[in-house]
């Protein structure tokens, strides 16, 4: 997932990484959630194909109540086909179900893959070029109508309409049958041949082996959408609920109110509960006010949470006064400055940016807790990822700025004063503060720094606008599942250059890198995990298309009457699906 889940993640300047493809957060130039989802560092690697509902309500859970969620973030979309930032996917996990899901395991304190709308985690054929999932009986939408296998097949076909519905995950383009030619149901009126339905069985056909399909099936894109109810671009304003909650009121960029879905059946769901009566999400909120509301623990503050990482001052206070209301943990995400290869064409200039970037100063100005919510990074893959290769291409340990080396490289490239253009959010004081430090660092390294003003509700869209003047995109990526295969094909494949939503943020298109990825995917490189680790090192050493601006971590707080809030270490988010108001 872009920190963008991918993702990711993909992540605001000061608080949220939120891949996947997954989007990002603190410390640089954007207040954008991190795309995606997934599981770096081993997070989410566990599976329990036999998990069954219902999930028991904790003894201290109050019947009803309201949970308020305050955040400086603004979700890019709540359309399940397009949801790929970590915040969007976590929110949608309350509303729409998928074939599989990640559920919190209190024994391991980890997320694990379990069935959701499907009866199991899918059944692949011998070479994993076909996967069959069986839909559970009795599933219904919020209006009481039955969920049909054909609705899931339609949702999968809809995911190919990336021109009309940009920014979602794109693995289907590389792995699914006819992924390189099928353009979705709006343009191509013939049925998509890559999915067949037989009763409750949905079979997905691949163009190449795809052993990770069970993980991918946990994304909102694999929900059910009735063709007759598809309002295309407007569907995200009120997606039809299959989960425990449904939309009551949604004001994009401002707020979302969820209420109980009366047709959700807990007996079919091993990962979610339906305890509170209402969820009130308030977006684009002031960080200081949010933290003060929760710290005060008065009135509604007792049932308020945030998914923004807290600032260092609040971290100090909460650890002294109420450490039990602090949730910390890992997040499988890497923040990056994606360097546009079509604009910054000289390797020395790209490396100079890495030497000039003011890592520690930008993190602190952006409200990061260095060593907890932002950790120095070198490899693109975060620690713990299977096959990760530990290397340090610039020799700066991911944190040591070297303006003299930056100037030296710019002089060698005859590019002194090279202009760097990047986005920041004018309505986020932490983004502004981080921007100021980045400007200082770039200028000290011999660059001309030109920050481009945006706002919290527009910055994600601006980052992927091909007409934008920026030549650096600040975001990041969260593992969509626990291997390098969820990192590189989704954002470093040359075939993704020029597509709507800019899934390849660096516009990275190199023939040798594309061939290496193809060989890995086709099984020609032996140990696939190790091959992705070597690919990570290869592209950074030869091309340096991204500056690693640190690994993510989680430090979030809650009011005293919130129960069931843990760290979803697949998304770096609170576990909304298990939360409740205490008695």
Protein backbone atom coordinates (compact mmCIF):
# COMPACT_ATOMS: atom_id res chain seq x y z
CA UNK A 1 0.00 0.00 0.00
CA UNK A 2 1.17 3.42 -0.67
CA UNK A 3 2.02 5.43 2.28
CA UNK A 4 0.31 7.14 -0.41
CA UNK A 5 -1.43 0.54 0.52
CA UNK A 6 0.46 0.21 -0.96
CA UNK A 7 -0.63 1.47 1.17
CA UNK A 8 0.33 2.96 1.08
CA UNK A 9 0.90 3.02 2.62
CA UNK A 10 0.68 4.64 1.56
CA UNK A 11 1.16 9.48 4.81
CA UNK A 12 0.99 12.87 6.25
CA UNK A 13 3.87 14.95 7.26
CA UNK A 14 3.28 14.52 10.88
CA UNK A 15 1.21 11.62 11.75
CA UNK A 16 0.17 8.82 9.48
CA UNK A 17 2.02 6.59 7.17
CA UNK A 18 -0.95 5.70 5.70
CA UNK A 19 0.67 2.18 1.39
CA UNK A 20 -0.19 0.87 0.33
CA UNK A 21 0.11 0.85 -1.31
CA UNK A 22 -0.48 2.05 1.40
CA UNK A 23 0.35 6.64 1.95
CA UNK A 24 2.45 8.54 4.42
CA UNK A 25 2.64 10.94 7.30
CA UNK A 26 4.96 12.86 9.44
CA UNK A 27 7.96 14.79 8.69
CA UNK A 28 8.18 16.21 5.22
CA UNK A 29 5.91 17.74 2.72
CA UNK A 30 2.47 16.25 2.83
CA UNK A 31 -0.41 15.49 5.08
CA UNK A 32 -1.43 12.47 3.10
CA UNK A 33 -2.38 9.09 4.48
CA UNK A 34 -0.12 6.16 3.80
CA UNK A 35 -1.32 3.77 0.85
CA UNK A 36 -2.22 0.26 1.44
CA UNK A 37 -2.08 -2.43 3.82
CA UNK A 38 -0.08 -5.52 4.25
CA UNK A 39 2.67 -6.77 6.34
CA UNK A 40 6.27 -5.87 6.31
CA UNK A 41 8.58 -6.97 9.08
CA UNK A 42 6.69 -10.25 9.27
CA UNK A 43 3.49 -8.48 10.36
CA UNK A 44 0.41 -10.31 9.18
CA UNK A 45 2.33 -13.35 7.98
CA UNK A 46 0.28 -15.70 10.15
CA UNK A 47 -2.80 -17.43 8.78
CA UNK A 48 -5.79 -19.15 10.35
CA UNK A 49 -7.98 -20.64 7.63
CA UNK A 50 -10.30 -22.20 10.20
CA UNK A 51 -11.26 -19.01 12.06
CA UNK A 52 -15.02 -18.69 12.50
CA UNK A 53 -17.43 -16.15 13.89
CA UNK A 54 -18.82 -14.79 16.00
CA UNK A 55 -16.07 -12.88 17.74
CA UNK A 56 -17.00 -12.69 21.42
CA UNK A 57 -17.79 -9.31 22.93
CA UNK A 58 -15.43 -8.50 25.85
CA UNK A 59 -16.97 -8.57 29.30
CA UNK A 60 -16.34 -4.86 29.89
CA UNK A 61 -18.00 -3.77 26.62
CA UNK A 62 -20.90 -1.38 27.06
CA UNK A 63 -23.94 -1.93 24.88
CA UNK A 64 -23.95 1.00 22.49
CA UNK A 65 -22.16 4.30 22.82
CA UNK A 66 -20.33 6.47 20.33
CA UNK A 67 -16.67 6.56 19.32
CA UNK A 68 -15.21 9.80 17.96
CA UNK A 69 -12.14 9.60 15.73
CA UNK A 70 -10.22 12.85 15.26
CA UNK A 71 -7.46 13.07 12.67
CA UNK A 72 -5.47 15.61 10.73
CA UNK A 73 -5.72 13.25 7.76
CA UNK A 74 -8.22 13.44 4.93
CA UNK A 75 -8.90 10.06 3.28
CA UNK A 76 -8.29 10.18 -0.44
CA UNK A 77 -11.36 8.06 -1.18
CA UNK A 78 -13.81 5.69 0.47
CA UNK A 79 -14.61 3.82 -2.72
CA UNK A 80 -13.65 0.20 -1.96
CA UNK A 81 -12.15 -0.25 -5.43
CA UNK A 82 -9.88 2.75 -4.95
CA UNK A 83 -9.15 2.48 -1.22
CA UNK A 84 -5.40 1.88 -0.97
CA UNK A 85 -4.14 4.18 1.74
CA UNK A 86 -3.82 2.64 5.16
CA UNK A 87 -6.42 4.97 6.69
CA UNK A 88 -8.97 4.37 3.93
CA UNK A 89 -8.62 0.59 4.16
CA UNK A 90 -8.93 0.58 7.96
CA UNK A 91 -12.07 2.72 7.86
CA UNK A 92 -13.58 0.65 5.07
CA UNK A 93 -12.90 -2.50 7.09
CA UNK A 94 -15.87 -1.42 9.25
CA UNK A 95 -18.12 -1.03 6.21
CA UNK A 96 -17.21 -3.48 3.49
CA UNK A 97 -16.09 -7.07 3.79
CA UNK A 98 -13.66 -8.80 1.44
CA UNK A 99 -12.93 -12.43 0.58
CA UNK A 100 -10.34 -12.61 3.37
CA UNK A 101 -9.38 -10.22 6.16
CA UNK A 102 -6.75 -9.46 8.77
CA UNK A 103 -7.91 -10.07 12.34
CA UNK A 104 -6.15 -9.21 15.60
CA UNK A 105 -4.87 -12.23 17.52
CA UNK A 106 -4.60 -11.27 21.23
CA UNK A 107 -2.39 -14.27 21.96
CA UNK A 108 0.33 -13.26 19.48
CA UNK A 109 -0.55 -9.52 19.54
CA UNK A 110 -0.28 -9.69 15.77
CA UNK A 111 -2.63 -9.48 12.83
CA UNK A 112 -3.31 -12.75 11.04
CA UNK A 113 -5.05 -13.61 7.80
CA UNK A 114 -8.47 -15.25 8.29
CA UNK A 115 -11.54 -15.83 6.11
CA UNK A 116 -14.10 -13.06 5.67
CA UNK A 117 -16.85 -13.43 3.07
CA UNK A 118 -15.17 -16.60 1.83
CA UNK A 119 -15.38 -19.91 3.68
CA UNK A 120 -11.59 -20.26 3.75
CA UNK A 121 -8.44 -18.55 2.48
CA UNK A 122 -8.90 -19.74 -1.09
CA UNK A 123 -7.89 -22.90 -2.91
CA UNK A 124 -5.19 -22.56 -5.57
CA UNK A 125 -4.49 -25.02 -8.34
CA UNK A 126 -1.10 -26.76 -8.41
CA UNK A 127 0.84 -23.94 -10.10
CA UNK A 128 -1.19 -21.17 -8.40
CA UNK A 129 -2.50 -19.77 -11.67
CA UNK A 130 -6.10 -20.18 -10.48
CA UNK A 131 -7.64 -19.46 -7.09
CA UNK A 132 -11.15 -20.49 -6.06
CA UNK A 133 -13.01 -18.88 -3.17
CA UNK A 134 -16.42 -20.03 -1.94
CA UNK A 135 -18.84 -17.35 -0.76
CA UNK A 136 -20.49 -17.98 2.62
CA UNK A 137 -24.25 -18.50 2.63
CA UNK A 138 -26.61 -15.88 4.01
CA UNK A 139 -24.52 -12.71 3.54
CA UNK A 140 -26.58 -9.54 3.02
CA UNK A 141 -26.13 -5.89 2.14
CA UNK A 142 -27.35 -3.04 4.33
CA UNK A 143 -30.68 -3.00 2.46
CA UNK A 144 -31.32 -6.69 3.20
CA UNK A 145 -30.64 -7.90 -0.35
CA UNK A 146 -28.43 -11.00 -0.70
CA UNK A 147 -24.74 -10.83 -1.54
CA UNK A 148 -24.07 -12.88 -4.67
CA UNK A 149 -20.88 -14.37 -6.05
CA UNK A 150 -21.56 -12.42 -9.25
CA UNK A 151 -21.26 -9.20 -7.23
CA UNK A 152 -17.72 -10.08 -6.21
CA UNK A 153 -16.87 -10.98 -9.81
CA UNK A 154 -18.18 -7.57 -10.87
CA UNK A 155 -16.14 -5.80 -8.19
CA UNK A 156 -13.01 -7.53 -9.48
CA UNK A 157 -13.80 -6.50 -13.05
CA UNK A 158 -14.43 -2.94 -11.80
CA UNK A 159 -10.88 -2.80 -10.40
CA UNK A 160 -9.50 -2.70 -13.95
CA UNK A 161 -11.20 0.64 -14.62
CA UNK A 162 -8.18 2.56 -13.40
CA UNK A 163 -8.81 5.49 -15.73
CA UNK A 164 -12.24 6.10 -14.23
CA UNK A 165 -11.29 4.91 -10.71
CA UNK A 166 -7.59 5.77 -10.19
CA UNK A 167 -5.26 5.27 -7.22
CA UNK A 168 -6.32 1.75 -6.27
CA UNK A 169 -4.09 -1.35 -6.18
CA UNK A 170 -2.80 -2.56 -9.55
CA UNK A 171 -1.55 -6.11 -8.98
CA UNK A 172 -4.37 -7.37 -11.18
CA UNK A 173 -2.75 -5.69 -14.18
CA UNK A 174 0.36 -7.84 -13.79
CA UNK A 175 -1.02 -11.07 -12.36
CA UNK A 176 -4.61 -11.52 -13.55
CA UNK A 177 -5.64 -12.97 -16.91
CA UNK A 178 -5.81 -10.27 -19.61
CA UNK A 179 -4.63 -7.71 -17.08
CA UNK A 180 -2.64 -5.96 -19.79
CA UNK A 181 -5.63 -5.57 -22.13
CA UNK A 182 -8.89 -5.56 -20.16
CA UNK A 183 -10.00 -2.01 -19.27
CA UNK A 184 -12.91 -2.64 -16.92
CA UNK A 185 -16.71 -2.88 -17.35
CA UNK A 186 -17.26 0.74 -18.33
CA UNK A 187 -15.10 0.57 -21.46
CA UNK A 188 -15.22 -3.16 -22.22
CA UNK A 189 -18.83 -4.35 -22.30
CA UNK A 190 -17.92 -8.02 -22.68
CA UNK A 191 -17.65 -10.03 -19.43
CA UNK A 192 -14.20 -10.21 -17.88
CA UNK A 193 -12.80 -13.66 -18.68
CA UNK A 194 -10.48 -13.73 -15.68
CA UNK A 195 -13.26 -14.47 -13.18
CA UNK A 196 -15.83 -17.23 -13.42
CA UNK A 197 -18.74 -17.99 -11.10
CA UNK A 198 -20.25 -21.38 -10.40
CA UNK A 199 -22.87 -21.22 -7.68
CA UNK A 200 -21.06 -19.74 -4.66
CA UNK A 201 -17.62 -20.43 -6.14
CA UNK A 202 -15.58 -17.56 -7.56
CA UNK A 203 -12.51 -18.63 -9.57
CA UNK A 204 -9.88 -16.02 -10.39
CA UNK A 205 -7.54 -16.86 -13.27
CA UNK A 206 -3.96 -15.61 -13.46
CA UNK A 207 -1.55 -14.78 -16.25
CA UNK A 208 1.34 -16.06 -14.11
CA UNK A 209 1.65 -17.85 -10.76
CA UNK A 210 0.39 -15.69 -7.88
CA UNK A 211 1.03 -17.47 -4.56
CA UNK A 212 0.00 -14.38 -2.54
CA UNK A 213 -3.58 -14.13 -3.82
CA UNK A 214 -5.01 -15.00 -0.41
CA UNK A 215 -3.32 -11.90 1.06
CA UNK A 216 -4.42 -9.70 -1.82
CA UNK A 217 -8.01 -10.91 -1.36
CA UNK A 218 -8.15 -9.00 1.96
CA UNK A 219 -8.23 -5.62 0.19
CA UNK A 220 -11.52 -3.69 -0.07
CA UNK A 221 -11.28 -4.16 -3.83
CA UNK A 222 -12.44 -7.76 -3.24
CA UNK A 223 -15.74 -6.77 -1.66
CA UNK A 224 -19.12 -7.28 -3.30
CA UNK A 225 -20.63 -4.56 -5.50
CA UNK A 226 -23.93 -5.16 -7.33
CA UNK A 227 -23.60 -3.96 -10.91
CA UNK A 228 -27.01 -2.30 -10.74
CA UNK A 229 -25.93 -0.23 -7.71
CA UNK A 230 -22.60 0.95 -9.17
CA UNK A 231 -22.71 4.74 -9.41
CA UNK A 232 -19.13 4.83 -10.75
CA UNK A 233 -17.21 7.86 -9.46
CA UNK A 234 -19.96 8.60 -6.92
CA UNK A 235 -19.97 5.11 -5.38
CA UNK A 236 -17.46 6.14 -2.72
CA UNK A 237 -19.99 8.60 -1.30
CA UNK A 238 -22.07 5.68 -0.04
CA UNK A 239 -20.68 2.21 -0.74
CA UNK A 240 -23.15 -0.55 0.01
CA UNK A 241 -22.26 -2.01 3.40
CA UNK A 242 -21.61 -5.68 4.03
CA UNK A 243 -19.72 -5.10 7.30
CA UNK A 244 -21.01 -4.19 10.77
CA UNK A 245 -21.42 -0.48 9.99
CA UNK A 246 -22.89 1.57 7.16
CA UNK A 247 -22.74 5.18 6.03
CA UNK A 248 -25.22 7.55 7.64
CA UNK A 249 -23.62 10.82 6.57
CA UNK A 250 -20.46 11.57 4.63
CA UNK A 251 -19.02 14.97 3.84
CA UNK A 252 -15.84 14.33 1.80
CA UNK A 253 -12.85 16.08 3.32
CA UNK A 254 -14.73 16.86 6.52
CA UNK A 255 -16.58 14.06 8.30
CA UNK A 256 -18.06 10.56 8.19
CA UNK A 257 -20.76 9.09 10.43
CA UNK A 258 -21.29 5.34 10.57
CA UNK A 259 -24.18 3.52 12.23
CA UNK A 260 -24.97 -0.15 12.75
CA UNK A 261 -25.76 -2.27 9.71
CA UNK A 262 -28.78 -4.36 10.83
CA UNK A 263 -28.08 -7.08 8.26
CA UNK A 264 -24.50 -7.86 9.27
CA UNK A 265 -24.36 -11.36 10.76
CA UNK A 266 -21.65 -11.77 13.44
CA UNK A 267 -21.83 -15.54 13.09
CA UNK A 268 -20.23 -15.21 9.65
CA UNK A 269 -17.43 -12.85 10.74
CA UNK A 270 -14.38 -14.02 12.77
CA UNK A 271 -12.66 -10.63 12.85
CA UNK A 272 -15.16 -7.89 13.75
CA UNK A 273 -17.58 -6.91 16.50
CA UNK A 274 -20.55 -4.54 16.43
CA UNK A 275 -20.66 -2.93 19.85
CA UNK A 276 -20.88 0.84 19.55
CA UNK A 277 -23.94 2.46 18.01
CA UNK A 278 -22.08 5.14 16.08
CA UNK A 279 -18.66 6.10 14.72
CA UNK A 280 -17.99 9.81 14.14
CA UNK A 281 -14.88 10.52 12.06
CA UNK A 282 -13.76 14.14 11.86
CA UNK A 283 -11.04 14.82 9.31
CA UNK A 284 -8.59 17.68 8.77
CA UNK A 285 -8.47 18.43 12.51
CA UNK A 286 -5.86 20.49 14.32
CA UNK A 287 -3.30 18.18 15.91
CA UNK A 288 -2.89 20.20 19.12
CA UNK A 289 -6.65 20.35 19.72
CA UNK A 290 -7.02 16.64 19.06
CA UNK A 291 -4.30 15.74 21.53
CA UNK A 292 -5.65 18.12 24.17
CA UNK A 293 -9.17 16.67 23.81
CA UNK A 294 -7.94 13.13 24.42
CA UNK A 295 -5.45 14.09 27.13
CA UNK A 296 -8.14 15.99 29.06
CA UNK A 297 -10.22 12.78 29.23
CA UNK A 298 -13.37 14.75 29.98
CA UNK A 299 -16.83 14.19 28.49
CA UNK A 300 -16.61 13.00 24.90
CA UNK A 301 -12.83 13.00 25.25
CA UNK A 302 -13.17 9.71 27.15
CA UNK A 303 -14.54 8.03 24.02
CA UNK A 304 -12.30 9.79 21.50
CA UNK A 305 -9.30 8.34 19.68
CA UNK A 306 -6.90 9.43 16.96
CA UNK A 307 -4.96 7.46 14.40
CA UNK A 308 -2.38 10.23 14.04
CA UNK A 309 0.94 9.58 15.71
CA UNK A 310 1.26 11.87 18.70
CA UNK A 311 3.83 14.64 19.03
CA UNK A 312 6.87 14.29 21.32
CA UNK A 313 5.42 16.60 24.00
CA UNK A 314 2.23 14.56 24.21
CA UNK A 315 4.23 11.35 24.20
CA UNK A 316 6.15 12.56 27.24
CA UNK A 317 2.98 13.57 29.08
CA UNK A 318 0.96 10.42 28.32
CA UNK A 319 3.81 8.10 29.32
CA UNK A 320 4.04 9.88 32.66
CA UNK A 321 0.33 10.29 33.40
CA UNK A 322 -1.62 7.55 31.60
CA UNK A 323 0.67 5.06 29.85
CA UNK A 324 -2.22 2.59 29.56
CA UNK A 325 -3.90 4.96 27.09
CA UNK A 326 -0.90 4.88 24.74
CA UNK A 327 -0.69 2.28 21.98
CA UNK A 328 2.68 1.79 20.31
CA UNK A 329 3.95 -0.71 17.82
CA UNK A 330 5.52 -1.39 14.49
CA UNK A 331 4.27 -0.40 11.08
CA UNK A 332 5.48 -2.16 7.91
CA UNK A 333 6.08 1.08 6.06
CA UNK A 334 8.90 3.10 4.54
CA UNK A 335 8.65 6.83 3.90
CA UNK A 336 10.29 7.97 0.70
CA UNK A 337 11.02 10.96 -1.46
CA UNK A 338 10.24 9.52 -4.88
CA UNK A 339 12.50 11.27 -7.39
CA UNK A 340 10.85 11.77 -10.79
CA UNK A 341 13.20 10.00 -13.20
CA UNK A 342 11.70 11.79 -16.20
CA UNK A 343 12.69 15.14 -14.70
CA UNK A 344 15.73 14.48 -12.51
CA UNK A 345 17.67 12.47 -15.08
CA UNK A 346 21.19 12.66 -13.64
CA UNK A 347 22.11 10.01 -11.05
CA UNK A 348 24.51 12.38 -9.30
CA UNK A 349 21.76 14.95 -8.81
CA UNK A 350 19.45 12.29 -7.36
CA UNK A 351 22.15 11.10 -4.98
CA UNK A 352 22.88 14.70 -4.00
CA UNK A 353 19.28 15.03 -2.86
CA UNK A 354 19.84 12.05 -0.55
CA UNK A 355 22.91 13.67 0.95
CA UNK A 356 21.21 17.07 1.37
CA UNK A 357 17.95 15.86 2.91
CA UNK A 358 17.84 17.02 6.58
CA UNK A 359 16.58 13.76 8.07
CA UNK A 360 16.65 14.39 11.82
CA UNK A 361 15.75 18.09 11.59
CA UNK A 362 12.78 17.41 9.29
CA UNK A 363 11.51 14.56 11.46
CA UNK A 364 11.65 16.60 14.65
CA UNK A 365 10.03 19.64 13.01
CA UNK A 366 7.29 17.40 11.64
CA UNK A 367 6.44 16.12 15.10
CA UNK A 368 8.07 12.71 14.86
CA UNK A 369 9.33 10.79 17.87
CA UNK A 370 12.72 9.82 16.50
CA UNK A 371 13.38 6.15 17.12
CA UNK A 372 9.69 5.33 17.61
CA UNK A 373 7.44 6.90 14.98
CA UNK A 374 10.34 7.52 12.60
CA UNK A 375 13.39 5.27 12.42
CA UNK A 376 16.40 5.83 10.14
CA UNK A 377 16.18 3.62 7.05
CA UNK A 378 18.52 2.44 4.32
CA UNK A 379 16.95 -0.43 2.36
CA UNK A 380 13.58 0.24 0.76
CA UNK A 381 12.17 -2.92 2.37
CA UNK A 382 11.56 -2.36 6.10
CA UNK A 383 13.31 -4.53 8.71
CA UNK A 384 11.99 -8.05 9.09
CA UNK A 385 10.69 -8.38 5.53
CA UNK A 386 11.49 -11.81 4.12
CA UNK A 387 14.66 -11.69 2.01
CA UNK A 388 15.54 -8.11 2.94
CA UNK A 389 19.13 -7.13 2.10
CA UNK A 390 20.76 -4.67 4.47
CA UNK A 391 22.77 -2.05 2.57
CA UNK A 392 23.54 1.66 2.79
CA UNK A 393 23.99 3.09 -0.70
CA UNK A 394 25.00 6.58 0.48
CA UNK A 395 26.84 5.49 3.61
CA UNK A 396 24.89 7.93 5.81
CA UNK A 397 23.01 5.37 7.96
CA UNK A 398 19.72 6.86 6.84
CA UNK A 399 20.06 9.93 9.04
CA UNK A 400 23.34 11.81 8.50
CA UNK A 401 23.00 14.84 6.24
CA UNK A 402 26.13 15.72 4.21
CA UNK A 403 25.71 19.08 2.42
CA UNK A 404 29.34 19.15 1.28
CA UNK A 405 28.95 15.83 -0.53
CA UNK A 406 25.73 17.10 -2.10
CA UNK A 407 27.49 20.21 -3.39
CA UNK A 408 30.35 18.10 -4.73
CA UNK A 409 27.98 15.90 -6.74
CA UNK A 410 26.04 18.87 -8.08
CA UNK A 411 29.28 20.45 -9.26
CA UNK A 412 30.34 17.22 -10.98
CA UNK A 413 26.95 17.10 -12.70
CA UNK A 414 27.17 20.77 -13.71
CA UNK A 415 23.88 21.24 -11.89
CA UNK A 416 24.65 23.71 -9.11
CA UNK A 417 21.49 25.38 -7.87
CA UNK A 418 19.29 22.58 -9.26
CA UNK A 419 15.64 23.32 -8.39
CA UNK A 420 13.70 20.85 -6.25
CA UNK A 421 9.92 21.27 -6.18
CA UNK A 422 7.88 19.47 -3.53
CA UNK A 423 4.45 19.74 -1.92
CA UNK A 424 3.51 20.74 1.62
CA UNK A 425 0.20 21.42 3.39
CA UNK A 426 -0.26 25.05 4.37
CA UNK A 427 -3.03 24.19 6.85
CA UNK A 428 -0.84 21.77 8.83
CA UNK A 429 1.65 23.54 11.10
CA UNK A 430 3.81 20.41 11.31
CA UNK A 431 3.96 20.16 7.54
CA UNK A 432 4.96 23.82 7.34
CA UNK A 433 7.65 23.35 10.00
CA UNK A 434 9.05 20.27 8.24
CA UNK A 435 8.98 22.14 4.93
CA UNK A 436 11.09 24.92 6.42
CA UNK A 437 13.75 22.45 7.56
CA UNK A 438 13.77 20.72 4.18
CA UNK A 439 14.27 24.06 2.44
CA UNK A 440 17.21 24.83 4.73
CA UNK A 441 18.75 21.44 4.12
CA UNK A 442 18.39 21.55 0.35
CA UNK A 443 19.78 25.07 0.14
CA UNK A 444 22.73 24.14 2.37
CA UNK A 445 23.42 21.29 -0.08
CA UNK A 446 23.54 23.60 -3.09
CA UNK A 447 19.97 23.21 -4.37
CA UNK A 448 17.27 25.75 -5.03
CA UNK A 449 14.25 24.71 -2.98
CA UNK A 450 10.78 25.56 -4.23
CA UNK A 451 8.02 24.25 -1.94
CA UNK A 452 4.61 24.09 -3.61
CA UNK A 453 1.64 24.97 -1.41
CA UNK A 454 -1.30 22.59 -1.09
CA UNK A 455 -3.79 21.69 1.64
CA UNK A 456 -4.51 18.57 3.66
CA UNK A 457 -7.59 17.70 1.63
CA UNK A 458 -5.91 18.20 -1.76
CA UNK A 459 -2.33 17.07 -1.30
CA UNK A 460 -2.80 13.41 -2.16
CA UNK A 461 -4.55 14.29 -5.40
CA UNK A 462 -1.92 16.93 -6.18
CA UNK A 463 0.87 14.43 -5.64
CA UNK A 464 -0.41 12.18 -8.42
CA UNK A 465 -1.43 14.94 -10.82
CA UNK A 466 0.71 14.54 -13.97
CA UNK A 467 0.39 18.28 -14.60
CA UNK A 468 1.91 19.16 -11.24
CA UNK A 469 5.25 21.02 -11.45
CA UNK A 470 6.79 18.93 -8.66
CA UNK A 471 9.80 16.73 -9.40
CA UNK A 472 9.80 14.99 -6.01
CA UNK A 473 6.85 13.12 -4.49
CA UNK A 474 6.85 12.63 -0.75
CA UNK A 475 4.95 9.58 0.32
CA UNK A 476 5.83 6.02 1.16
CA UNK A 477 4.77 2.42 0.99
CA UNK A 478 3.43 -0.19 3.38
CA UNK A 479 3.65 -3.91 2.73
CA UNK A 480 0.52 -5.31 1.17
CA UNK A 481 1.63 -8.74 2.33
CA UNK A 482 4.84 -9.99 3.94
CA UNK A 483 7.20 -10.16 0.96
CA UNK A 484 9.01 -7.93 -1.52
CA UNK A 485 6.49 -9.07 -4.11
CA UNK A 486 4.05 -6.58 -2.60
CA UNK A 487 6.53 -3.73 -2.96
CA UNK A 488 8.23 -3.66 -6.32
CA UNK A 489 5.75 -4.88 -8.97
CA UNK A 490 3.17 -2.44 -7.59
CA UNK A 491 5.29 0.72 -7.78
CA UNK A 492 8.54 0.11 -9.68
CA UNK A 493 7.28 -1.63 -12.83
CA UNK A 494 7.89 0.44 -15.96
CA UNK A 495 4.54 -0.61 -17.43
CA UNK A 496 2.84 1.47 -14.72
CA UNK A 497 4.40 4.74 -15.93
CA UNK A 498 1.74 7.04 -17.33
CA UNK A 499 -1.25 5.28 -15.78
CA UNK A 500 -3.97 7.21 -13.97
CA UNK A 501 -3.15 7.80 -10.30
CA UNK A 502 0.58 7.51 -10.94
CA UNK A 503 1.11 4.08 -9.30
CA UNK A 504 4.82 4.39 -10.19
CA UNK A 505 5.59 7.64 -8.30
CA UNK A 506 9.21 7.91 -9.53
CA UNK A 507 8.24 7.27 -13.15
CA UNK A 508 10.88 4.55 -12.93
CA UNK A 509 11.22 2.70 -16.25
CA UNK A 510 14.48 0.89 -16.89
CA UNK A 511 14.68 -2.13 -19.19
CA UNK A 512 17.09 -4.12 -17.03
CA UNK A 513 15.02 -3.52 -13.90
CA UNK A 514 11.80 -4.51 -15.67
CA UNK A 515 13.42 -7.70 -16.97
CA UNK A 516 14.75 -8.55 -13.52
CA UNK A 517 11.27 -8.16 -12.03
CA UNK A 518 9.77 -10.33 -14.77
CA UNK A 519 12.34 -13.04 -14.11
CA UNK A 520 11.59 -12.96 -10.38
CA UNK A 521 7.85 -13.18 -10.96
CA UNK A 522 8.33 -16.04 -13.41
CA UNK A 523 10.42 -17.98 -10.89
CA UNK A 524 13.71 -17.70 -12.76
CA UNK A 525 15.66 -16.19 -9.86
CA UNK A 526 15.44 -19.02 -7.34
CA UNK A 527 14.48 -17.89 -3.84
CA UNK A 528 11.86 -15.23 -4.60
CA UNK A 529 12.17 -13.45 -1.26
CA UNK A 530 15.95 -13.14 -1.54
CA UNK A 531 15.60 -12.02 -5.17
CA UNK A 532 13.39 -9.10 -4.15
CA UNK A 533 15.94 -8.10 -1.52
CA UNK A 534 18.66 -8.08 -4.18
CA UNK A 535 16.40 -6.10 -6.52
CA UNK A 536 15.91 -3.51 -3.78
CA UNK A 537 19.66 -3.04 -3.54
CA UNK A 538 20.11 -3.09 -7.33
CA UNK A 539 17.76 -0.22 -8.15
CA UNK A 540 19.01 2.02 -5.35
CA UNK A 541 22.67 1.42 -6.12
CA UNK A 542 22.36 1.77 -9.90
CA UNK A 543 19.57 4.33 -10.23
CA UNK A 544 18.71 5.77 -6.80
CA UNK A 545 15.08 6.58 -7.70
CA UNK A 546 14.05 7.28 -4.09
CA UNK A 547 15.42 8.79 -0.91
CA UNK A 548 14.57 6.66 2.11
CA UNK A 549 13.26 9.17 4.65
CA UNK A 550 12.76 6.61 7.40
CA UNK A 551 10.76 3.61 8.58
CA UNK A 552 7.43 4.08 10.34
CA UNK A 553 6.25 3.25 13.81
CA UNK A 554 3.01 3.78 15.70
CA UNK A 555 2.27 5.90 18.81
CA UNK A 556 -1.44 6.67 19.16
CA UNK A 557 -3.68 7.54 22.12
CA UNK A 558 -7.26 6.92 23.27
CA UNK A 559 -9.74 8.15 25.82
CA UNK A 560 -10.09 6.14 29.03
CA UNK A 561 -13.43 4.56 28.06
CA UNK A 562 -12.21 3.05 24.79
CA UNK A 563 -11.57 -0.69 24.88
CA UNK A 564 -10.24 -3.13 22.30
CA UNK A 565 -7.81 -0.66 20.71
CA UNK A 566 -4.61 -2.36 19.59
CA UNK A 567 -2.01 -1.67 16.96
CA UNK A 568 -2.90 -3.09 13.57
CA UNK A 569 0.70 -3.77 12.56
CA UNK A 570 -0.38 -4.47 8.99
CA UNK A 571 -1.57 -0.89 8.55
CA UNK A 572 -0.04 1.01 11.46
CA UNK A 573 -3.59 1.95 12.50
CA UNK A 574 -5.90 1.29 15.47
CA UNK A 575 -7.90 -1.93 15.32
CA UNK A 576 -11.28 -0.29 14.71
CA UNK A 577 -12.89 -3.70 14.12
CA UNK A 578 -12.41 -4.75 17.76
CA UNK A 579 -13.02 -1.42 19.52
CA UNK A 580 -15.85 -0.64 21.92
CA UNK A 581 -16.93 1.72 24.72
CA UNK A 582 -16.35 0.34 28.21
CA UNK A 583 -18.91 0.24 31.00
